[in-house]
Structures are given as structure tokens and as C-alpha cells.
């Protein structure tokens, strides 16, 4: 599985950094430490990014869900 951030072009550079770190599983405290800003600045960046409407989309392949093998087997039975 992988994920993509749609609407990233709407975000400023620091907002992109904060969103990417957040969506990678980092806490606000971690993000603040990494970006060398306060936790309240991180909250502001994330709120502004959210207001601009970015979206996280998970892309999951059939094989990751276990469907690939069953689809292949179904096709073999049809032959």
C-alpha cells in the first residue's frame, strides 16, 4: 500500500512538511522538534493546510488485499 497527498500544490512549503510528517505518523511534538518550531506553530500549519483542502488517498493493490490469487484462480476455472 502507498498513499498520496492530493492538493499538495495548494500548500506552502512548511505546510507540506508538516502534513507529510503528520501523515507519516509523527506527533505534533515530533513535528515541532523536526521543523524547529513550536507545537502551536505546527497546529497552525496543519489547520491552514486542512482549510486548503488537501486529501490523503490510500492506494491498495488487489494483491495486498489477497484478491490477486483468487482472481487468477477464478480465471483458471473459467478456461
PDB file of N, CA and C in Angstrom:
ATOM      1  N   UNK A   1       0.848  -1.180   0.000  1.00  0.00           N
ATOM      2  CA  UNK A   1       0.000   0.000   0.000  1.00  0.00           C
ATOM      3  C   UNK A   1       0.888   1.235   0.000  1.00  0.00           C
ATOM      4  N   UNK A   2       0.451   2.219  -0.695  1.00  0.00           N
ATOM      5  CA  UNK A   2       1.100   3.519  -0.596  1.00  0.00           C
ATOM      6  C   UNK A   2       0.017   4.578  -0.529  1.00  0.00           C
ATOM      7  N   UNK A   3       0.402   5.766  -0.165  1.00  0.00           N
ATOM      8  CA  UNK A   3      -0.575   6.833  -0.071  1.00  0.00           C
ATOM      9  C   UNK A   3      -0.054   8.043  -0.815  1.00  0.00           C
ATOM     10  N   UNK A   4      -0.990   8.863  -1.206  1.00  0.00           N
ATOM     11  CA  UNK A   4      -0.606  10.096  -1.873  1.00  0.00           C
ATOM     12  C   UNK A   4      -1.385  11.244  -1.252  1.00  0.00           C
ATOM     13  N   UNK A   5      -0.791  12.416  -1.332  1.00  0.00           N
ATOM     14  CA  UNK A   5      -1.437  13.617  -0.815  1.00  0.00           C
ATOM     15  C   UNK A   5      -1.924  14.412  -2.011  1.00  0.00           C
ATOM     16  N   UNK A   6      -3.236  14.503  -2.142  1.00  0.00           N
ATOM     17  CA  UNK A   6      -3.813  15.284  -3.242  1.00  0.00           C
ATOM     18  C   UNK A   6      -4.048  16.708  -2.767  1.00  0.00           C
ATOM     19  N   UNK A   7      -3.798  17.649  -3.635  1.00  0.00           N
ATOM     20  CA  UNK A   7      -3.954  19.059  -3.285  1.00  0.00           C
ATOM     21  C   UNK A   7      -2.704  19.635  -2.646  1.00  0.00           C
ATOM     22  N   UNK A   8      -1.610  18.890  -2.708  1.00  0.00           N
ATOM     23  CA  UNK A   8      -0.363  19.337  -2.100  1.00  0.00           C
ATOM     24  C   UNK A   8       0.126  20.652  -2.705  1.00  0.00           C
ATOM     25  N   UNK A   9      -0.197  20.862  -3.965  1.00  0.00           N
ATOM     26  CA  UNK A   9       0.249  22.093  -4.639  1.00  0.00           C
ATOM     27  C   UNK A   9      -0.399  23.338  -4.047  1.00  0.00           C
ATOM     28  N   UNK A  10      -1.491  23.173  -3.322  1.00  0.00           N
ATOM     29  CA  UNK A  10      -2.170  24.303  -2.681  1.00  0.00           C
ATOM     30  C   UNK A  10      -1.471  24.748  -1.398  1.00  0.00           C
ATOM     31  N   UNK A  11      -0.593  23.903  -0.878  1.00  0.00           N
ATOM     32  CA  UNK A  11       0.030  24.160   0.417  1.00  0.00           C
ATOM     33  C   UNK A  11       1.362  24.865   0.271  1.00  0.00           C
ATOM     34  N   UNK A  12       1.682  25.688   1.268  1.00  0.00           N
ATOM     35  CA  UNK A  12       3.001  26.303   1.333  1.00  0.00           C
ATOM     36  C   UNK A  12       4.038  25.254   1.704  1.00  0.00           C
ATOM     37  N   UNK A  13       5.301  25.602   1.564  1.00  0.00           N
ATOM     38  CA  UNK A  13       6.395  24.664   1.808  1.00  0.00           C
ATOM     39  C   UNK A  13       6.350  24.076   3.215  1.00  0.00           C
ATOM     40  N   UNK A  14       6.220  24.932   4.244  1.00  0.00           N
ATOM     41  CA  UNK A  14       6.204  24.453   5.620  1.00  0.00           C
ATOM     42  C   UNK A  14       4.944  23.635   5.906  1.00  0.00           C
ATOM     43  N   UNK A  15       3.820  24.026   5.309  1.00  0.00           N
ATOM     44  CA  UNK A  15       2.595  23.237   5.457  1.00  0.00           C
ATOM     45  C   UNK A  15       2.790  21.841   4.867  1.00  0.00           C
ATOM     46  N   UNK A  16       3.434  21.765   3.717  1.00  0.00           N
ATOM     47  CA  UNK A  16       3.726  20.464   3.096  1.00  0.00           C
ATOM     48  C   UNK A  16       4.582  19.601   4.012  1.00  0.00           C
ATOM     49  N   UNK A  17       5.601  20.223   4.590  1.00  0.00           N
ATOM     50  CA  UNK A  17       6.465  19.476   5.501  1.00  0.00           C
ATOM     51  C   UNK A  17       5.657  18.944   6.685  1.00  0.00           C
ATOM     52  N   UNK A  18       4.855  19.809   7.297  1.00  0.00           N
ATOM     53  CA  UNK A  18       4.074  19.420   8.474  1.00  0.00           C
ATOM     54  C   UNK A  18       3.077  18.317   8.135  1.00  0.00           C
ATOM     55  N   UNK A  19       2.387  18.461   7.016  1.00  0.00           N
ATOM     56  CA  UNK A  19       1.392  17.467   6.606  1.00  0.00           C
ATOM     57  C   UNK A  19       2.067  16.130   6.316  1.00  0.00           C
ATOM     58  N   UNK A  20       3.166  16.159   5.608  1.00  0.00           N
ATOM     59  CA  UNK A  20       3.869  14.922   5.269  1.00  0.00           C
ATOM     60  C   UNK A  20       4.333  14.204   6.527  1.00  0.00           C
ATOM     61  N   UNK A  21       4.860  14.947   7.473  1.00  0.00           N
ATOM     62  CA  UNK A  21       5.298  14.336   8.730  1.00  0.00           C
ATOM     63  C   UNK A  21       4.109  13.791   9.515  1.00  0.00           C
ATOM     64  N   UNK A  22       3.021  14.557   9.563  1.00  0.00           N
ATOM     65  CA  UNK A  22       1.828  14.111  10.284  1.00  0.00           C
ATOM     66  C   UNK A  22       1.291  12.825   9.678  1.00  0.00           C
ATOM     67  N   UNK A  23       1.163  12.795   8.366  1.00  0.00           N
ATOM     68  CA  UNK A  23       0.611  11.631   7.693  1.00  0.00           C
ATOM     69  C   UNK A  23       1.572  10.443   7.709  1.00  0.00           C
ATOM     70  N   UNK A  24       2.821  10.701   8.068  1.00  0.00           N
ATOM     71  CA  UNK A  24       3.800   9.622   8.231  1.00  0.00           C
ATOM     72  C   UNK A  24       3.757   9.063   9.647  1.00  0.00           C
ATOM     73  N   UNK A  25       2.881   9.622  10.473  1.00  0.00           N
ATOM     74  CA  UNK A  25       2.692   9.088  11.819  1.00  0.00           C
ATOM     75  C   UNK A  25       3.363   9.850  12.945  1.00  0.00           C
ATOM     76  N   UNK A  26       3.949  10.981  12.645  1.00  0.00           N
ATOM     77  CA  UNK A  26       4.622  11.768  13.688  1.00  0.00           C
ATOM     78  C   UNK A  26       3.614  12.575  14.498  1.00  0.00           C
ATOM     79  N   UNK A  27       3.902  12.740  15.768  1.00  0.00           N
ATOM     80  CA  UNK A  27       3.067  13.567  16.638  1.00  0.00           C
ATOM     81  C   UNK A  27       3.391  15.042  16.399  1.00  0.00           C
ATOM     82  N   UNK A  28       2.539  15.904  16.908  1.00  0.00           N
ATOM     83  CA  UNK A  28       2.794  17.344  16.792  1.00  0.00           C
ATOM     84  C   UNK A  28       4.106  17.720  17.470  1.00  0.00           C
ATOM     85  N   UNK A  29       4.396  17.076  18.584  1.00  0.00           N
ATOM     86  CA  UNK A  29       5.650  17.347  19.294  1.00  0.00           C
ATOM     87  C   UNK A  29       6.853  16.939  18.444  1.00  0.00           C
ATOM     88  N   UNK A  30       6.752  15.781  17.795  1.00  0.00           N
ATOM     89  CA  UNK A  30       7.825  15.334  16.903  1.00  0.00           C
ATOM     90  C   UNK A  30       8.022  16.324  15.760  1.00  0.00           C
ATOM     91  N   UNK A  31       6.918  16.727  15.163  1.00  0.00           N
ATOM     92  CA  UNK A  31       6.977  17.650  14.025  1.00  0.00           C
ATOM     93  C   UNK A  31       7.623  18.965  14.453  1.00  0.00           C
ATOM     94  N   UNK A  32       7.221  19.469  15.612  1.00  0.00           N
ATOM     95  CA  UNK A  32       7.790  20.720  16.124  1.00  0.00           C
ATOM     96  C   UNK A  32       9.303  20.595  16.296  1.00  0.00           C
ATOM     97  N   UNK A  33       9.734  19.476  16.844  1.00  0.00           N
ATOM     98  CA  UNK A  33      11.164  19.255  17.059  1.00  0.00           C
ATOM     99  C   UNK A  33      11.901  19.149  15.721  1.00  0.00           C
ATOM    100  N   UNK A  34      11.334  18.424  14.781  1.00  0.00           N
ATOM    101  CA  UNK A  34      11.978  18.234  13.474  1.00  0.00           C
ATOM    102  C   UNK A  34      12.070  19.550  12.708  1.00  0.00           C
ATOM    103  N   UNK A  35      10.975  20.323  12.734  1.00  0.00           N
ATOM    104  CA  UNK A  35      10.942  21.587  11.982  1.00  0.00           C
ATOM    105  C   UNK A  35      11.524  22.759  12.758  1.00  0.00           C
ATOM    106  N   UNK A  36      11.852  22.504  14.045  1.00  0.00           N
ATOM    107  CA  UNK A  36      12.425  23.547  14.912  1.00  0.00           C
ATOM    108  C   UNK A  36      11.467  24.738  15.061  1.00  0.00           C
ATOM    109  N   UNK A  37      10.203  24.397  15.350  1.00  0.00           N
ATOM    110  CA  UNK A  37       9.177  25.410  15.616  1.00  0.00           C
ATOM    111  C   UNK A  37       8.402  24.966  16.859  1.00  0.00           C
ATOM    112  N   UNK A  38       7.512  25.815  17.333  1.00  0.00           N
ATOM    113  CA  UNK A  38       6.703  25.462  18.498  1.00  0.00           C
ATOM    114  C   UNK A  38       5.557  24.534  18.091  1.00  0.00           C
ATOM    115  N   UNK A  39       5.007  23.841  19.078  1.00  0.00           N
ATOM    116  CA  UNK A  39       3.856  22.962  18.832  1.00  0.00           C
ATOM    117  C   UNK A  39       2.673  23.787  18.336  1.00  0.00           C
ATOM    118  N   UNK A  40       2.513  25.011  18.853  1.00  0.00           N
ATOM    119  CA  UNK A  40       1.405  25.852  18.377  1.00  0.00           C
ATOM    120  C   UNK A  40       1.596  26.244  16.912  1.00  0.00           C
ATOM    121  N   UNK A  41       2.832  26.419  16.477  1.00  0.00           N
ATOM    122  CA  UNK A  41       3.095  26.696  15.052  1.00  0.00           C
ATOM    123  C   UNK A  41       2.717  25.495  14.196  1.00  0.00           C
ATOM    124  N   UNK A  42       3.016  24.295  14.682  1.00  0.00           N
ATOM    125  CA  UNK A  42       2.640  23.079  13.969  1.00  0.00           C
ATOM    126  C   UNK A  42       1.125  23.011  13.848  1.00  0.00           C
ATOM    127  N   UNK A  43       0.421  23.283  14.945  1.00  0.00           N
ATOM    128  CA  UNK A  43      -1.050  23.276  14.920  1.00  0.00           C
ATOM    129  C   UNK A  43      -1.582  24.267  13.902  1.00  0.00           C
ATOM    130  N   UNK A  44      -0.974  25.441  13.841  1.00  0.00           N
ATOM    131  CA  UNK A  44      -1.390  26.463  12.873  1.00  0.00           C
ATOM    132  C   UNK A  44      -1.150  25.990  11.447  1.00  0.00           C
ATOM    133  N   UNK A  45       0.031  25.411  11.187  1.00  0.00           N
ATOM    134  CA  UNK A  45       0.346  24.916   9.840  1.00  0.00           C
ATOM    135  C   UNK A  45      -0.632  23.837   9.413  1.00  0.00           C
ATOM    136  N   UNK A  46      -0.931  22.911  10.317  1.00  0.00           N
ATOM    137  CA  UNK A  46      -1.847  21.815   9.987  1.00  0.00           C
ATOM    138  C   UNK A  46      -3.269  22.323   9.788  1.00  0.00           C
ATOM    139  N   UNK A  47      -3.690  23.298  10.584  1.00  0.00           N
ATOM    140  CA  UNK A  47      -5.030  23.873  10.428  1.00  0.00           C
ATOM    141  C   UNK A  47      -5.150  24.603   9.099  1.00  0.00           C
ATOM    142  N   UNK A  48      -4.125  25.354   8.740  1.00  0.00           N
ATOM    143  CA  UNK A  48      -4.141  26.065   7.445  1.00  0.00           C
ATOM    144  C   UNK A  48      -4.163  25.076   6.283  1.00  0.00           C
ATOM    145  N   UNK A  49      -3.372  24.024   6.404  1.00  0.00           N
ATOM    146  CA  UNK A  49      -3.334  23.005   5.348  1.00  0.00           C
ATOM    147  C   UNK A  49      -4.700  22.335   5.211  1.00  0.00           C
ATOM    148  N   UNK A  50      -5.320  22.025   6.335  1.00  0.00           N
ATOM    149  CA  UNK A  50      -6.640  21.399   6.305  1.00  0.00           C
ATOM    150  C   UNK A  50      -7.661  22.326   5.654  1.00  0.00           C
ATOM    151  N   UNK A  51      -7.584  23.603   5.976  1.00  0.00           N
ATOM    152  CA  UNK A  51      -8.508  24.585   5.392  1.00  0.00           C
ATOM    153  C   UNK A  51      -8.336  24.696   3.876  1.00  0.00           C
ATOM    154  N   UNK A  52      -7.139  24.416   3.390  1.00  0.00           N
ATOM    155  CA  UNK A  52      -6.875  24.471   1.949  1.00  0.00           C
ATOM    156  C   UNK A  52      -7.338  23.205   1.234  1.00  0.00           C
ATOM    157  N   UNK A  53      -7.743  22.199   1.992  1.00  0.00           N
ATOM    158  CA  UNK A  53      -8.411  21.049   1.406  1.00  0.00           C
ATOM    159  C   UNK A  53      -7.550  19.937   0.851  1.00  0.00           C
ATOM    160  N   UNK A  54      -6.397  19.677   1.446  1.00  0.00           N
ATOM    161  CA  UNK A  54      -5.618  18.536   0.955  1.00  0.00           C
ATOM    162  C   UNK A  54      -6.343  17.249   1.340  1.00  0.00           C
ATOM    163  N   UNK A  55      -6.059  16.178   0.628  1.00  0.00           N
ATOM    164  CA  UNK A  55      -6.668  14.878   0.902  1.00  0.00           C
ATOM    165  C   UNK A  55      -5.594  13.802   0.873  1.00  0.00           C
ATOM    166  N   UNK A  56      -5.728  12.844   1.778  1.00  0.00           N
ATOM    167  CA  UNK A  56      -4.856  11.679   1.787  1.00  0.00           C
ATOM    168  C   UNK A  56      -5.628  10.537   1.142  1.00  0.00           C
ATOM    169  N   UNK A  57      -5.012   9.906   0.161  1.00  0.00           N
ATOM    170  CA  UNK A  57      -5.652   8.804  -0.540  1.00  0.00           C
ATOM    171  C   UNK A  57      -4.744   7.584  -0.422  1.00  0.00           C
ATOM    172  N   UNK A  58      -5.288   6.503   0.103  1.00  0.00           N
ATOM    173  CA  UNK A  58      -4.530   5.253   0.204  1.00  0.00           C
ATOM    174  C   UNK A  58      -4.750   4.453  -1.071  1.00  0.00           C
ATOM    175  N   UNK A  59      -3.680   3.964  -1.623  1.00  0.00           N
ATOM    176  CA  UNK A  59      -3.739   3.131  -2.809  1.00  0.00           C
ATOM    177  C   UNK A  59      -3.382   1.710  -2.377  1.00  0.00           C
ATOM    178  N   UNK A  60      -4.332   0.810  -2.486  1.00  0.00           N
ATOM    179  CA  UNK A  60      -4.137  -0.566  -2.065  1.00  0.00           C
ATOM    180  C   UNK A  60      -4.313  -1.458  -3.289  1.00  0.00           C
ATOM    181  N   UNK A  61      -3.319  -2.268  -3.565  1.00  0.00           N
ATOM    182  CA  UNK A  61      -3.396  -3.155  -4.723  1.00  0.00           C
ATOM    183  C   UNK A  61      -4.232  -4.385  -4.389  1.00  0.00           C
ATOM    184  N   UNK A  62      -4.744  -5.047  -5.423  1.00  0.00           N
ATOM    185  CA  UNK A  62      -5.513  -6.276  -5.242  1.00  0.00           C
ATOM    186  C   UNK A  62      -4.711  -7.329  -4.490  1.00  0.00           C
ATOM    187  N   UNK A  63      -3.442  -7.444  -4.830  1.00  0.00           N
ATOM    188  CA  UNK A  63      -2.619  -8.471  -4.191  1.00  0.00           C
ATOM    189  C   UNK A  63      -2.457  -8.213  -2.698  1.00  0.00           C
ATOM    190  N   UNK A  64      -2.435  -6.944  -2.292  1.00  0.00           N
ATOM    191  CA  UNK A  64      -2.326  -6.624  -0.869  1.00  0.00           C
ATOM    192  C   UNK A  64      -3.588  -7.016  -0.107  1.00  0.00           C
ATOM    193  N   UNK A  65      -4.699  -7.077  -0.796  1.00  0.00           N
ATOM    194  CA  UNK A  65      -5.959  -7.471  -0.177  1.00  0.00           C
ATOM    195  C   UNK A  65      -6.212  -8.965  -0.319  1.00  0.00           C
ATOM    196  N   UNK A  66      -5.304  -9.658  -0.998  1.00  0.00           N
ATOM    197  CA  UNK A  66      -5.452 -11.091  -1.188  1.00  0.00           C
ATOM    198  C   UNK A  66      -6.364 -11.458  -2.345  1.00  0.00           C
ATOM    199  N   UNK A  67      -6.726 -10.482  -3.193  1.00  0.00           N
ATOM    200  CA  UNK A  67      -7.628 -10.750  -4.306  1.00  0.00           C
ATOM    201  C   UNK A  67      -6.904 -11.270  -5.535  1.00  0.00           C
ATOM    202  N   UNK A  68      -5.638 -10.939  -5.686  1.00  0.00           N
ATOM    203  CA  UNK A  68      -4.912 -11.318  -6.902  1.00  0.00           C
ATOM    204  C   UNK A  68      -4.944 -12.831  -7.104  1.00  0.00           C
ATOM    205  N   UNK A  69      -4.610 -13.551  -6.075  1.00  0.00           N
ATOM    206  CA  UNK A  69      -4.574 -15.013  -6.199  1.00  0.00           C
ATOM    207  C   UNK A  69      -5.955 -15.577  -6.503  1.00  0.00           C
ATOM    208  N   UNK A  70      -6.991 -15.062  -5.848  1.00  0.00           N
ATOM    209  CA  UNK A  70      -8.331 -15.597  -6.104  1.00  0.00           C
ATOM    210  C   UNK A  70      -8.823 -15.220  -7.492  1.00  0.00           C
ATOM    211  N   UNK A  71      -8.434 -14.066  -8.002  1.00  0.00           N
ATOM    212  CA  UNK A  71      -8.823 -13.690  -9.360  1.00  0.00           C
ATOM    213  C   UNK A  71      -8.140 -14.570 -10.386  1.00  0.00           C
ATOM    214  N   UNK A  72      -6.884 -14.884 -10.156  1.00  0.00           N
ATOM    215  CA  UNK A  72      -6.150 -15.764 -11.059  1.00  0.00           C
ATOM    216  C   UNK A  72      -6.779 -17.159 -11.041  1.00  0.00           C
ATOM    217  N   UNK A  73      -7.110 -17.655  -9.852  1.00  0.00           N
ATOM    218  CA  UNK A  73      -7.719 -18.971  -9.731  1.00  0.00           C
ATOM    219  C   UNK A  73      -9.089 -19.013 -10.383  1.00  0.00           C
ATOM    220  N   UNK A  74      -9.893 -17.946 -10.229  1.00  0.00           N
ATOM    221  CA  UNK A  74     -11.201 -17.868 -10.870  1.00  0.00           C
ATOM    222  C   UNK A  74     -11.071 -17.922 -12.386  1.00  0.00           C
ATOM    223  N   UNK A  75     -10.075 -17.224 -12.930  1.00  0.00           N
ATOM    224  CA  UNK A  75      -9.871 -17.228 -14.385  1.00  0.00           C
ATOM    225  C   UNK A  75      -9.466 -18.602 -14.873  1.00  0.00           C
ATOM    226  N   UNK A  76      -8.684 -19.336 -14.092  1.00  0.00           N
ATOM    227  CA  UNK A  76      -8.278 -20.682 -14.496  1.00  0.00           C
ATOM    228  C   UNK A  76      -9.476 -21.616 -14.542  1.00  0.00           C
ATOM    229  N   UNK A  77     -10.395 -21.448 -13.607  1.00  0.00           N
ATOM    230  CA  UNK A  77     -11.596 -22.301 -13.570  1.00  0.00           C
ATOM    231  C   UNK A  77     -12.509 -22.031 -14.762  1.00  0.00           C
ATOM    232  N   UNK A  78     -12.490 -20.787 -15.269  1.00  0.00           N
ATOM    233  CA  UNK A  78     -13.333 -20.423 -16.405  1.00  0.00           C
ATOM    234  C   UNK A  78     -12.810 -21.011 -17.717  1.00  0.00           C
ATOM    235  N   UNK A  79     -11.533 -21.362 -17.772  1.00  0.00           N
ATOM    236  CA  UNK A  79     -10.923 -21.860 -19.025  1.00  0.00           C
ATOM    237  C   UNK A  79     -11.353 -23.254 -19.373  1.00  0.00           C
TER     238      UNK A  79
END
